[in-house]
């Protein structure tokens, strides 16, 4: 079962010449996480789409003119909403992990070996 990604409109992922477009590595990872969890049967695609539509609608009503639209920030927020709704994670866990990642220096886009020690 693969995610129905050949959709159009506000929930459609950004594309260029028919190919998905990711500005940063985290965007492709967020995309891949959602698709993988869907394909594993953790949630239905309509559940995810509804969460994404809700996040986009909320952004449209609260965004300031200076705030750039970032599809994958909304995608990731929608994934978090779905996972919290399923009880897979709590909002506190999401907030704590977000804060930890936000405190990393720029360019530090890989796991710290101290976070996950490997047995010798």
PDB file of N, CA and C in Angstrom:
ATOM      1  N   UNK A   1       0.852  -1.158   0.000  1.00  0.00           N
ATOM      2  CA  UNK A   1       0.000   0.000   0.000  1.00  0.00           C
ATOM      3  C   UNK A   1       0.900   1.224   0.000  1.00  0.00           C
ATOM      4  N   UNK A   2       0.769   2.052  -0.980  1.00  0.00           N
ATOM      5  CA  UNK A   2       1.581   3.268  -1.024  1.00  0.00           C
ATOM      6  C   UNK A   2       0.673   4.485  -0.872  1.00  0.00           C
ATOM      7  N   UNK A   3       1.257   5.551  -0.341  1.00  0.00           N
ATOM      8  CA  UNK A   3       0.496   6.763  -0.087  1.00  0.00           C
ATOM      9  C   UNK A   3       0.009   7.378  -1.396  1.00  0.00           C
ATOM     10  N   UNK A   4      -1.227   7.834  -1.437  1.00  0.00           N
ATOM     11  CA  UNK A   4      -1.773   8.462  -2.648  1.00  0.00           C
ATOM     12  C   UNK A   4      -1.264   9.900  -2.783  1.00  0.00           C
ATOM     13  N   UNK A   5      -0.093  10.057  -3.365  1.00  0.00           N
ATOM     14  CA  UNK A   5       0.552  11.366  -3.429  1.00  0.00           C
ATOM     15  C   UNK A   5       0.318  12.110  -4.726  1.00  0.00           C
ATOM     16  N   UNK A   6      -0.370  11.483  -5.679  1.00  0.00           N
ATOM     17  CA  UNK A   6      -0.637  12.178  -6.941  1.00  0.00           C
ATOM     18  C   UNK A   6      -1.930  12.976  -6.819  1.00  0.00           C
ATOM     19  N   UNK A   7      -1.959  13.840  -5.811  1.00  0.00           N
ATOM     20  CA  UNK A   7      -3.100  14.686  -5.540  1.00  0.00           C
ATOM     21  C   UNK A   7      -2.757  16.118  -5.907  1.00  0.00           C
ATOM     22  N   UNK A   8      -3.768  16.941  -5.979  1.00  0.00           N
ATOM     23  CA  UNK A   8      -3.542  18.349  -6.293  1.00  0.00           C
ATOM     24  C   UNK A   8      -4.174  19.201  -5.209  1.00  0.00           C
ATOM     25  N   UNK A   9      -3.920  20.479  -5.257  1.00  0.00           N
ATOM     26  CA  UNK A   9      -4.493  21.394  -4.286  1.00  0.00           C
ATOM     27  C   UNK A   9      -3.557  21.659  -3.130  1.00  0.00           C
ATOM     28  N   UNK A  10      -4.118  22.200  -2.056  1.00  0.00           N
ATOM     29  CA  UNK A  10      -3.306  22.667  -0.950  1.00  0.00           C
ATOM     30  C   UNK A  10      -2.574  21.565  -0.199  1.00  0.00           C
ATOM     31  N   UNK A  11      -3.037  20.329  -0.258  1.00  0.00           N
ATOM     32  CA  UNK A  11      -2.356  19.249   0.456  1.00  0.00           C
ATOM     33  C   UNK A  11      -1.305  18.546  -0.397  1.00  0.00           C
ATOM     34  N   UNK A  12      -1.177  18.917  -1.644  1.00  0.00           N
ATOM     35  CA  UNK A  12      -0.205  18.286  -2.534  1.00  0.00           C
ATOM     36  C   UNK A  12       1.217  18.726  -2.185  1.00  0.00           C
ATOM     37  N   UNK A  13       2.141  17.780  -2.092  1.00  0.00           N
ATOM     38  CA  UNK A  13       3.533  18.140  -1.821  1.00  0.00           C
ATOM     39  C   UNK A  13       4.116  18.991  -2.948  1.00  0.00           C
ATOM     40  N   UNK A  14       5.068  19.872  -2.626  1.00  0.00           N
ATOM     41  CA  UNK A  14       5.701  20.693  -3.667  1.00  0.00           C
ATOM     42  C   UNK A  14       6.411  19.818  -4.705  1.00  0.00           C
ATOM     43  N   UNK A  15       6.273  20.211  -5.967  1.00  0.00           N
ATOM     44  CA  UNK A  15       6.900  19.466  -7.060  1.00  0.00           C
ATOM     45  C   UNK A  15       7.534  20.426  -8.051  1.00  0.00           C
ATOM     46  N   UNK A  16       8.519  19.902  -8.749  1.00  0.00           N
ATOM     47  CA  UNK A  16       9.128  20.619  -9.864  1.00  0.00           C
ATOM     48  C   UNK A  16       9.320  19.604 -10.978  1.00  0.00           C
ATOM     49  N   UNK A  17       8.732  19.871 -12.128  1.00  0.00           N
ATOM     50  CA  UNK A  17       8.775  18.930 -13.248  1.00  0.00           C
ATOM     51  C   UNK A  17       8.295  17.540 -12.843  1.00  0.00           C
ATOM     52  N   UNK A  18       7.289  17.497 -11.969  1.00  0.00           N
ATOM     53  CA  UNK A  18       6.701  16.227 -11.548  1.00  0.00           C
ATOM     54  C   UNK A  18       7.428  15.535 -10.414  1.00  0.00           C
ATOM     55  N   UNK A  19       8.591  16.030 -10.020  1.00  0.00           N
ATOM     56  CA  UNK A  19       9.373  15.411  -8.949  1.00  0.00           C
ATOM     57  C   UNK A  19       9.150  16.150  -7.637  1.00  0.00           C
ATOM     58  N   UNK A  20       9.114  15.399  -6.526  1.00  0.00           N
ATOM     59  CA  UNK A  20       8.992  16.034  -5.218  1.00  0.00           C
ATOM     60  C   UNK A  20      10.198  16.924  -4.970  1.00  0.00           C
ATOM     61  N   UNK A  21       9.962  18.050  -4.302  1.00  0.00           N
ATOM     62  CA  UNK A  21      11.020  19.026  -4.032  1.00  0.00           C
ATOM     63  C   UNK A  21      11.170  19.190  -2.525  1.00  0.00           C
ATOM     64  N   UNK A  22      12.410  19.061  -2.045  1.00  0.00           N
ATOM     65  CA  UNK A  22      12.725  19.257  -0.640  1.00  0.00           C
ATOM     66  C   UNK A  22      13.837  20.292  -0.551  1.00  0.00           C
ATOM     67  N   UNK A  23      13.624  21.349   0.257  1.00  0.00           N
ATOM     68  CA  UNK A  23      14.626  22.403   0.393  1.00  0.00           C
ATOM     69  C   UNK A  23      15.732  22.002   1.358  1.00  0.00           C
ATOM     70  N   UNK A  24      15.413  21.174   2.348  1.00  0.00           N
ATOM     71  CA  UNK A  24      16.377  20.759   3.356  1.00  0.00           C
ATOM     72  C   UNK A  24      16.222  19.268   3.624  1.00  0.00           C
ATOM     73  N   UNK A  25      17.281  18.621   4.125  1.00  0.00           N
ATOM     74  CA  UNK A  25      17.197  17.182   4.408  1.00  0.00           C
ATOM     75  C   UNK A  25      16.082  16.798   5.382  1.00  0.00           C
ATOM     76  N   UNK A  26      15.811  17.647   6.377  1.00  0.00           N
ATOM     77  CA  UNK A  26      14.777  17.297   7.351  1.00  0.00           C
ATOM     78  C   UNK A  26      13.408  17.174   6.676  1.00  0.00           C
ATOM     79  N   UNK A  27      13.186  17.928   5.602  1.00  0.00           N
ATOM     80  CA  UNK A  27      11.899  17.866   4.913  1.00  0.00           C
ATOM     81  C   UNK A  27      11.669  16.491   4.299  1.00  0.00           C
ATOM     82  N   UNK A  28      12.693  15.942   3.662  1.00  0.00           N
ATOM     83  CA  UNK A  28      12.534  14.614   3.063  1.00  0.00           C
ATOM     84  C   UNK A  28      12.377  13.549   4.145  1.00  0.00           C
ATOM     85  N   UNK A  29      13.032  13.745   5.291  1.00  0.00           N
ATOM     86  CA  UNK A  29      12.879  12.779   6.381  1.00  0.00           C
ATOM     87  C   UNK A  29      11.471  12.843   6.973  1.00  0.00           C
ATOM     88  N   UNK A  30      10.934  14.058   7.162  1.00  0.00           N
ATOM     89  CA  UNK A  30       9.573  14.199   7.673  1.00  0.00           C
ATOM     90  C   UNK A  30       8.572  13.565   6.706  1.00  0.00           C
ATOM     91  N   UNK A  31       8.793  13.805   5.421  1.00  0.00           N
ATOM     92  CA  UNK A  31       7.944  13.214   4.392  1.00  0.00           C
ATOM     93  C   UNK A  31       8.011  11.686   4.476  1.00  0.00           C
ATOM     94  N   UNK A  32       9.231  11.169   4.527  1.00  0.00           N
ATOM     95  CA  UNK A  32       9.427   9.717   4.565  1.00  0.00           C
ATOM     96  C   UNK A  32       8.836   9.078   5.816  1.00  0.00           C
ATOM     97  N   UNK A  33       8.933   9.764   6.955  1.00  0.00           N
ATOM     98  CA  UNK A  33       8.355   9.225   8.184  1.00  0.00           C
ATOM     99  C   UNK A  33       6.848   9.067   8.044  1.00  0.00           C
ATOM    100  N   UNK A  34       6.182  10.094   7.524  1.00  0.00           N
ATOM    101  CA  UNK A  34       4.731  10.025   7.385  1.00  0.00           C
ATOM    102  C   UNK A  34       4.325   8.914   6.425  1.00  0.00           C
ATOM    103  N   UNK A  35       4.987   8.833   5.290  1.00  0.00           N
ATOM    104  CA  UNK A  35       4.648   7.805   4.308  1.00  0.00           C
ATOM    105  C   UNK A  35       4.927   6.413   4.871  1.00  0.00           C
ATOM    106  N   UNK A  36       6.067   6.233   5.545  1.00  0.00           N
ATOM    107  CA  UNK A  36       6.412   4.927   6.111  1.00  0.00           C
ATOM    108  C   UNK A  36       5.418   4.492   7.180  1.00  0.00           C
ATOM    109  N   UNK A  37       5.021   5.420   8.050  1.00  0.00           N
ATOM    110  CA  UNK A  37       4.055   5.077   9.097  1.00  0.00           C
ATOM    111  C   UNK A  37       2.695   4.748   8.502  1.00  0.00           C
ATOM    112  N   UNK A  38       2.309   5.483   7.453  1.00  0.00           N
ATOM    113  CA  UNK A  38       1.063   5.164   6.757  1.00  0.00           C
ATOM    114  C   UNK A  38       1.146   3.766   6.142  1.00  0.00           C
ATOM    115  N   UNK A  39       2.249   3.488   5.448  1.00  0.00           N
ATOM    116  CA  UNK A  39       2.403   2.191   4.782  1.00  0.00           C
ATOM    117  C   UNK A  39       2.472   1.044   5.789  1.00  0.00           C
ATOM    118  N   UNK A  40       2.907   1.339   7.026  1.00  0.00           N
ATOM    119  CA  UNK A  40       2.942   0.324   8.080  1.00  0.00           C
ATOM    120  C   UNK A  40       1.569   0.127   8.717  1.00  0.00           C
ATOM    121  N   UNK A  41       0.581   0.932   8.288  1.00  0.00           N
ATOM    122  CA  UNK A  41      -0.772   0.785   8.800  1.00  0.00           C
ATOM    123  C   UNK A  41      -1.034   1.499  10.110  1.00  0.00           C
ATOM    124  N   UNK A  42      -0.170   2.447  10.465  1.00  0.00           N
ATOM    125  CA  UNK A  42      -0.346   3.163  11.729  1.00  0.00           C
ATOM    126  C   UNK A  42      -1.518   4.139  11.695  1.00  0.00           C
ATOM    127  N   UNK A  43      -1.847   4.662  10.516  1.00  0.00           N
ATOM    128  CA  UNK A  43      -2.987   5.558  10.357  1.00  0.00           C
ATOM    129  C   UNK A  43      -3.432   5.498   8.906  1.00  0.00           C
ATOM    130  N   UNK A  44      -4.614   6.035   8.624  1.00  0.00           N
ATOM    131  CA  UNK A  44      -5.102   6.056   7.252  1.00  0.00           C
ATOM    132  C   UNK A  44      -4.666   7.362   6.595  1.00  0.00           C
ATOM    133  N   UNK A  45      -4.585   7.351   5.291  1.00  0.00           N
ATOM    134  CA  UNK A  45      -4.197   8.578   4.587  1.00  0.00           C
ATOM    135  C   UNK A  45      -5.226   9.693   4.780  1.00  0.00           C
ATOM    136  N   UNK A  46      -6.532   9.388   4.766  1.00  0.00           N
ATOM    137  CA  UNK A  46      -7.496  10.465   5.042  1.00  0.00           C
ATOM    138  C   UNK A  46      -7.292  11.104   6.424  1.00  0.00           C
ATOM    139  N   UNK A  47      -6.866  10.315   7.425  1.00  0.00           N
ATOM    140  CA  UNK A  47      -6.579  10.890   8.749  1.00  0.00           C
ATOM    141  C   UNK A  47      -5.434  11.901   8.641  1.00  0.00           C
ATOM    142  N   UNK A  48      -4.389  11.509   7.924  1.00  0.00           N
ATOM    143  CA  UNK A  48      -3.249  12.403   7.786  1.00  0.00           C
ATOM    144  C   UNK A  48      -3.628  13.640   6.973  1.00  0.00           C
ATOM    145  N   UNK A  49      -4.344  13.443   5.876  1.00  0.00           N
ATOM    146  CA  UNK A  49      -4.753  14.579   5.053  1.00  0.00           C
ATOM    147  C   UNK A  49      -5.620  15.558   5.838  1.00  0.00           C
ATOM    148  N   UNK A  50      -6.516  15.049   6.666  1.00  0.00           N
ATOM    149  CA  UNK A  50      -7.373  15.926   7.472  1.00  0.00           C
ATOM    150  C   UNK A  50      -6.523  16.755   8.437  1.00  0.00           C
ATOM    151  N   UNK A  51      -5.510  16.117   9.041  1.00  0.00           N
ATOM    152  CA  UNK A  51      -4.622  16.843   9.954  1.00  0.00           C
ATOM    153  C   UNK A  51      -3.818  17.896   9.193  1.00  0.00           C
ATOM    154  N   UNK A  52      -3.359  17.558   7.981  1.00  0.00           N
ATOM    155  CA  UNK A  52      -2.597  18.502   7.168  1.00  0.00           C
ATOM    156  C   UNK A  52      -3.477  19.678   6.733  1.00  0.00           C
ATOM    157  N   UNK A  53      -4.691  19.391   6.307  1.00  0.00           N
ATOM    158  CA  UNK A  53      -5.619  20.453   5.910  1.00  0.00           C
ATOM    159  C   UNK A  53      -5.883  21.379   7.097  1.00  0.00           C
ATOM    160  N   UNK A  54      -6.064  20.806   8.283  1.00  0.00           N
ATOM    161  CA  UNK A  54      -6.318  21.616   9.481  1.00  0.00           C
ATOM    162  C   UNK A  54      -5.121  22.509   9.789  1.00  0.00           C
ATOM    163  N   UNK A  55      -3.911  21.967   9.669  1.00  0.00           N
ATOM    164  CA  UNK A  55      -2.706  22.764   9.932  1.00  0.00           C
ATOM    165  C   UNK A  55      -2.558  23.886   8.905  1.00  0.00           C
ATOM    166  N   UNK A  56      -2.818  23.588   7.641  1.00  0.00           N
ATOM    167  CA  UNK A  56      -2.719  24.614   6.596  1.00  0.00           C
ATOM    168  C   UNK A  56      -3.765  25.700   6.842  1.00  0.00           C
ATOM    169  N   UNK A  57      -4.992  25.306   7.170  1.00  0.00           N
ATOM    170  CA  UNK A  57      -6.062  26.279   7.431  1.00  0.00           C
ATOM    171  C   UNK A  57      -5.705  27.163   8.623  1.00  0.00           C
ATOM    172  N   UNK A  58      -5.163  26.558   9.674  1.00  0.00           N
ATOM    173  CA  UNK A  58      -4.774  27.338  10.856  1.00  0.00           C
ATOM    174  C   UNK A  58      -3.669  28.322  10.495  1.00  0.00           C
ATOM    175  N   UNK A  59      -2.702  27.867   9.700  1.00  0.00           N
ATOM    176  CA  UNK A  59      -1.619  28.762   9.283  1.00  0.00           C
ATOM    177  C   UNK A  59      -2.183  29.927   8.476  1.00  0.00           C
ATOM    178  N   UNK A  60      -3.104  29.641   7.563  1.00  0.00           N
ATOM    179  CA  UNK A  60      -3.684  30.691   6.711  1.00  0.00           C
ATOM    180  C   UNK A  60      -4.415  31.759   7.526  1.00  0.00           C
ATOM    181  N   UNK A  61      -5.011  31.373   8.654  1.00  0.00           N
ATOM    182  CA  UNK A  61      -5.769  32.340   9.441  1.00  0.00           C
ATOM    183  C   UNK A  61      -4.904  33.076  10.461  1.00  0.00           C
ATOM    184  N   UNK A  62      -3.732  32.541  10.788  1.00  0.00           N
ATOM    185  CA  UNK A  62      -2.913  33.175  11.830  1.00  0.00           C
ATOM    186  C   UNK A  62      -1.596  33.746  11.325  1.00  0.00           C
ATOM    187  N   UNK A  63      -1.181  33.402  10.129  1.00  0.00           N
ATOM    188  CA  UNK A  63       0.131  33.833   9.622  1.00  0.00           C
ATOM    189  C   UNK A  63       0.167  35.338   9.396  1.00  0.00           C
ATOM    190  N   UNK A  64       1.318  35.904   9.689  1.00  0.00           N
ATOM    191  CA  UNK A  64       1.535  37.321   9.392  1.00  0.00           C
ATOM    192  C   UNK A  64       2.096  37.423   7.976  1.00  0.00           C
ATOM    193  N   UNK A  65       2.018  38.593   7.353  1.00  0.00           N
ATOM    194  CA  UNK A  65       2.553  38.744   5.995  1.00  0.00           C
ATOM    195  C   UNK A  65       4.046  38.416   5.906  1.00  0.00           C
ATOM    196  N   UNK A  66       4.776  38.607   7.010  1.00  0.00           N
ATOM    197  CA  UNK A  66       6.219  38.327   6.989  1.00  0.00           C
ATOM    198  C   UNK A  66       6.528  36.837   7.159  1.00  0.00           C
ATOM    199  N   UNK A  67       5.553  36.065   7.601  1.00  0.00           N
ATOM    200  CA  UNK A  67       5.779  34.646   7.885  1.00  0.00           C
ATOM    201  C   UNK A  67       5.724  33.838   6.594  1.00  0.00           C
ATOM    202  N   UNK A  68       6.845  33.226   6.204  1.00  0.00           N
ATOM    203  CA  UNK A  68       6.844  32.457   4.952  1.00  0.00           C
ATOM    204  C   UNK A  68       6.075  31.143   5.109  1.00  0.00           C
ATOM    205  N   UNK A  69       5.455  30.741   4.032  1.00  0.00           N
ATOM    206  CA  UNK A  69       4.741  29.458   4.002  1.00  0.00           C
ATOM    207  C   UNK A  69       5.761  28.348   3.872  1.00  0.00           C
ATOM    208  N   UNK A  70       5.712  27.384   4.785  1.00  0.00           N
ATOM    209  CA  UNK A  70       6.602  26.229   4.697  1.00  0.00           C
ATOM    210  C   UNK A  70       5.749  24.976   4.780  1.00  0.00           C
ATOM    211  N   UNK A  71       5.522  24.369   3.631  1.00  0.00           N
ATOM    212  CA  UNK A  71       4.664  23.189   3.532  1.00  0.00           C
ATOM    213  C   UNK A  71       5.120  22.089   4.472  1.00  0.00           C
ATOM    214  N   UNK A  72       6.421  21.826   4.532  1.00  0.00           N
ATOM    215  CA  UNK A  72       6.889  20.688   5.319  1.00  0.00           C
ATOM    216  C   UNK A  72       6.867  20.948   6.823  1.00  0.00           C
ATOM    217  N   UNK A  73       6.897  22.207   7.268  1.00  0.00           N
ATOM    218  CA  UNK A  73       6.669  22.475   8.690  1.00  0.00           C
ATOM    219  C   UNK A  73       5.239  22.090   9.048  1.00  0.00           C
ATOM    220  N   UNK A  74       4.314  22.393   8.166  1.00  0.00           N
ATOM    221  CA  UNK A  74       2.916  22.035   8.394  1.00  0.00           C
ATOM    222  C   UNK A  74       2.718  20.524   8.276  1.00  0.00           C
ATOM    223  N   UNK A  75       3.432  19.896   7.344  1.00  0.00           N
ATOM    224  CA  UNK A  75       3.395  18.434   7.176  1.00  0.00           C
ATOM    225  C   UNK A  75       3.839  17.763   8.472  1.00  0.00           C
ATOM    226  N   UNK A  76       4.975  18.217   9.021  1.00  0.00           N
ATOM    227  CA  UNK A  76       5.498  17.631  10.244  1.00  0.00           C
ATOM    228  C   UNK A  76       4.542  17.865  11.417  1.00  0.00           C
ATOM    229  N   UNK A  77       3.972  19.059  11.500  1.00  0.00           N
ATOM    230  CA  UNK A  77       3.007  19.348  12.564  1.00  0.00           C
ATOM    231  C   UNK A  77       1.783  18.441  12.443  1.00  0.00           C
ATOM    232  N   UNK A  78       1.337  18.197  11.216  1.00  0.00           N
ATOM    233  CA  UNK A  78       0.193  17.303  10.995  1.00  0.00           C
ATOM    234  C   UNK A  78       0.544  15.882  11.423  1.00  0.00           C
ATOM    235  N   UNK A  79       1.753  15.434  11.116  1.00  0.00           N
ATOM    236  CA  UNK A  79       2.188  14.103  11.534  1.00  0.00           C
ATOM    237  C   UNK A  79       2.202  14.019  13.060  1.00  0.00           C
ATOM    238  N   UNK A  80       2.710  15.063  13.708  1.00  0.00           N
ATOM    239  CA  UNK A  80       2.711  15.087  15.169  1.00  0.00           C
ATOM    240  C   UNK A  80       1.282  15.005  15.698  1.00  0.00           C
ATOM    241  N   UNK A  81       0.357  15.750  15.081  1.00  0.00           N
ATOM    242  CA  UNK A  81      -1.048  15.725  15.511  1.00  0.00           C
ATOM    243  C   UNK A  81      -1.625  14.318  15.412  1.00  0.00           C
ATOM    244  N   UNK A  82      -1.349  13.640  14.310  1.00  0.00           N
ATOM    245  CA  UNK A  82      -1.868  12.283  14.109  1.00  0.00           C
ATOM    246  C   UNK A  82      -1.276  11.336  15.149  1.00  0.00           C
ATOM    247  N   UNK A  83       0.031  11.431  15.376  1.00  0.00           N
ATOM    248  CA  UNK A  83       0.680  10.533  16.331  1.00  0.00           C
ATOM    249  C   UNK A  83       0.223  10.799  17.761  1.00  0.00           C
ATOM    250  N   UNK A  84       0.017  12.064  18.111  1.00  0.00           N
ATOM    251  CA  UNK A  84      -0.517  12.392  19.434  1.00  0.00           C
ATOM    252  C   UNK A  84      -1.936  11.838  19.551  1.00  0.00           C
ATOM    253  N   UNK A  85      -2.731  11.994  18.487  1.00  0.00           N
ATOM    254  CA  UNK A  85      -4.102  11.476  18.486  1.00  0.00           C
ATOM    255  C   UNK A  85      -4.172   9.971  18.655  1.00  0.00           C
ATOM    256  N   UNK A  86      -3.175   9.278  18.144  1.00  0.00           N
ATOM    257  CA  UNK A  86      -3.125   7.822  18.275  1.00  0.00           C
ATOM    258  C   UNK A  86      -2.566   7.384  19.623  1.00  0.00           C
ATOM    259  N   UNK A  87      -2.016   8.338  20.376  1.00  0.00           N
ATOM    260  CA  UNK A  87      -1.375   7.987  21.644  1.00  0.00           C
ATOM    261  C   UNK A  87       0.024   7.435  21.472  1.00  0.00           C
ATOM    262  N   UNK A  88       0.587   7.562  20.270  1.00  0.00           N
ATOM    263  CA  UNK A  88       1.943   7.059  20.011  1.00  0.00           C
ATOM    264  C   UNK A  88       2.990   7.923  20.702  1.00  0.00           C
ATOM    265  N   UNK A  89       2.714   9.211  20.825  1.00  0.00           N
ATOM    266  CA  UNK A  89       3.567  10.152  21.547  1.00  0.00           C
ATOM    267  C   UNK A  89       2.647  11.128  22.273  1.00  0.00           C
ATOM    268  N   UNK A  90       3.219  11.823  23.251  1.00  0.00           N
ATOM    269  CA  UNK A  90       2.450  12.855  23.942  1.00  0.00           C
ATOM    270  C   UNK A  90       2.907  14.215  23.448  1.00  0.00           C
ATOM    271  N   UNK A  91       2.084  15.217  23.664  1.00  0.00           N
ATOM    272  CA  UNK A  91       2.488  16.566  23.261  1.00  0.00           C
ATOM    273  C   UNK A  91       3.722  17.004  24.039  1.00  0.00           C
ATOM    274  N   UNK A  92       3.872  16.561  25.291  1.00  0.00           N
ATOM    275  CA  UNK A  92       5.065  16.901  26.077  1.00  0.00           C
ATOM    276  C   UNK A  92       6.319  16.290  25.457  1.00  0.00           C
ATOM    277  N   UNK A  93       6.216  15.036  24.978  1.00  0.00           N
ATOM    278  CA  UNK A  93       7.364  14.393  24.334  1.00  0.00           C
ATOM    279  C   UNK A  93       7.754  15.129  23.053  1.00  0.00           C
ATOM    280  N   UNK A  94       6.755  15.522  22.272  1.00  0.00           N
ATOM    281  CA  UNK A  94       7.025  16.265  21.043  1.00  0.00           C
ATOM    282  C   UNK A  94       7.693  17.593  21.377  1.00  0.00           C
ATOM    283  N   UNK A  95       7.161  18.307  22.371  1.00  0.00           N
ATOM    284  CA  UNK A  95       7.724  19.610  22.755  1.00  0.00           C
ATOM    285  C   UNK A  95       9.154  19.463  23.263  1.00  0.00           C
ATOM    286  N   UNK A  96       9.417  18.459  24.076  1.00  0.00           N
ATOM    287  CA  UNK A  96      10.767  18.262  24.621  1.00  0.00           C
ATOM    288  C   UNK A  96      11.757  17.947  23.511  1.00  0.00           C
ATOM    289  N   UNK A  97      11.371  17.089  22.591  1.00  0.00           N
ATOM    290  CA  UNK A  97      12.277  16.726  21.488  1.00  0.00           C
ATOM    291  C   UNK A  97      12.487  17.917  20.560  1.00  0.00           C
ATOM    292  N   UNK A  98      11.430  18.681  20.300  1.00  0.00           N
ATOM    293  CA  UNK A  98      11.550  19.872  19.465  1.00  0.00           C
ATOM    294  C   UNK A  98      12.521  20.860  20.086  1.00  0.00           C
ATOM    295  N   UNK A  99      12.403  21.076  21.396  1.00  0.00           N
ATOM    296  CA  UNK A  99      13.290  22.001  22.082  1.00  0.00           C
ATOM    297  C   UNK A  99      14.740  21.514  22.028  1.00  0.00           C
ATOM    298  N   UNK A 100      14.953  20.213  22.226  1.00  0.00           N
ATOM    299  CA  UNK A 100      16.305  19.661  22.170  1.00  0.00           C
ATOM    300  C   UNK A 100      16.912  19.840  20.786  1.00  0.00           C
ATOM    301  N   UNK A 101      16.124  19.593  19.754  1.00  0.00           N
ATOM    302  CA  UNK A 101      16.634  19.749  18.393  1.00  0.00           C
ATOM    303  C   UNK A 101      16.874  21.206  18.050  1.00  0.00           C
ATOM    304  N   UNK A 102      16.018  22.100  18.543  1.00  0.00           N
ATOM    305  CA  UNK A 102      16.172  23.531  18.257  1.00  0.00           C
ATOM    306  C   UNK A 102      17.433  24.103  18.892  1.00  0.00           C
ATOM    307  N   UNK A 103      17.923  23.480  19.951  1.00  0.00           N
ATOM    308  CA  UNK A 103      19.108  23.985  20.636  1.00  0.00           C
ATOM    309  C   UNK A 103      20.412  23.534  19.977  1.00  0.00           C
ATOM    310  N   UNK A 104      20.321  22.662  18.998  1.00  0.00           N
ATOM    311  CA  UNK A 104      21.533  22.225  18.286  1.00  0.00           C
ATOM    312  C   UNK A 104      22.076  23.370  17.442  1.00  0.00           C
ATOM    313  N   UNK A 105      23.394  23.426  17.290  1.00  0.00           N
ATOM    314  CA  UNK A 105      23.961  24.488  16.459  1.00  0.00           C
ATOM    315  C   UNK A 105      23.589  24.291  14.990  1.00  0.00           C
ATOM    316  N   UNK A 106      23.569  25.381  14.210  1.00  0.00           N
ATOM    317  CA  UNK A 106      23.277  25.254  12.780  1.00  0.00           C
ATOM    318  C   UNK A 106      24.238  24.275  12.117  1.00  0.00           C
ATOM    319  N   UNK A 107      23.718  23.489  11.210  1.00  0.00           N
ATOM    320  CA  UNK A 107      24.536  22.522  10.489  1.00  0.00           C
ATOM    321  C   UNK A 107      24.701  21.215  11.223  1.00  0.00           C
ATOM    322  N   UNK A 108      24.176  21.123  12.425  1.00  0.00           N
ATOM    323  CA  UNK A 108      24.284  19.892  13.213  1.00  0.00           C
ATOM    324  C   UNK A 108      23.072  19.030  12.897  1.00  0.00           C
ATOM    325  N   UNK A 109      23.060  18.463  11.714  1.00  0.00           N
ATOM    326  CA  UNK A 109      21.893  17.739  11.216  1.00  0.00           C
ATOM    327  C   UNK A 109      22.105  16.230  11.240  1.00  0.00           C
ATOM    328  N   UNK A 110      22.748  15.752  12.286  1.00  0.00           N
ATOM    329  CA  UNK A 110      22.938  14.309  12.424  1.00  0.00           C
ATOM    330  C   UNK A 110      22.862  13.963  13.902  1.00  0.00           C
ATOM    331  N   UNK A 111      22.706  12.694  14.200  1.00  0.00           N
ATOM    332  CA  UNK A 111      22.598  12.271  15.590  1.00  0.00           C
ATOM    333  C   UNK A 111      23.930  12.420  16.297  1.00  0.00           C
ATOM    334  N   UNK A 112      23.850  12.830  17.530  1.00  0.00           N
ATOM    335  CA  UNK A 112      25.020  12.904  18.388  1.00  0.00           C
ATOM    336  C   UNK A 112      25.298  11.489  18.865  1.00  0.00           C
ATOM    337  N   UNK A 113      26.531  10.980  18.708  1.00  0.00           N
ATOM    338  CA  UNK A 113      26.822   9.608  19.143  1.00  0.00           C
ATOM    339  C   UNK A 113      26.582   9.427  20.626  1.00  0.00           C
ATOM    340  N   UNK A 114      26.606  10.516  21.397  1.00  0.00           N
ATOM    341  CA  UNK A 114      26.347  10.412  22.829  1.00  0.00           C
ATOM    342  C   UNK A 114      24.862  10.193  23.121  1.00  0.00           C
ATOM    343  N   UNK A 115      23.986  10.568  22.136  1.00  0.00           N
ATOM    344  CA  UNK A 115      22.559  10.360  22.304  1.00  0.00           C
ATOM    345  C   UNK A 115      22.198   8.876  22.242  1.00  0.00           C
ATOM    346  N   UNK A 116      22.925   8.146  21.420  1.00  0.00           N
ATOM    347  CA  UNK A 116      22.656   6.721  21.213  1.00  0.00           C
ATOM    348  C   UNK A 116      23.981   5.968  21.238  1.00  0.00           C
ATOM    349  N   UNK A 117      24.495   5.673  22.425  1.00  0.00           N
ATOM    350  CA  UNK A 117      25.784   4.978  22.474  1.00  0.00           C
ATOM    351  C   UNK A 117      25.696   3.595  21.849  1.00  0.00           C
ATOM    352  N   UNK A 118      26.750   3.249  21.131  1.00  0.00           N
ATOM    353  CA  UNK A 118      26.828   1.939  20.502  1.00  0.00           C
ATOM    354  C   UNK A 118      27.675   1.016  21.358  1.00  0.00           C
ATOM    355  N   UNK A 119      27.257  -0.233  21.571  1.00  0.00           N
ATOM    356  CA  UNK A 119      28.101  -1.155  22.351  1.00  0.00           C
ATOM    357  C   UNK A 119      29.372  -1.464  21.587  1.00  0.00           C
ATOM    358  N   UNK A 120      30.439  -1.614  22.304  1.00  0.00           N
ATOM    359  CA  UNK A 120      31.737  -1.914  21.675  1.00  0.00           C
ATOM    360  C   UNK A 120      31.978  -3.387  21.593  1.00  0.00           C
TER     361      UNK A 120
END
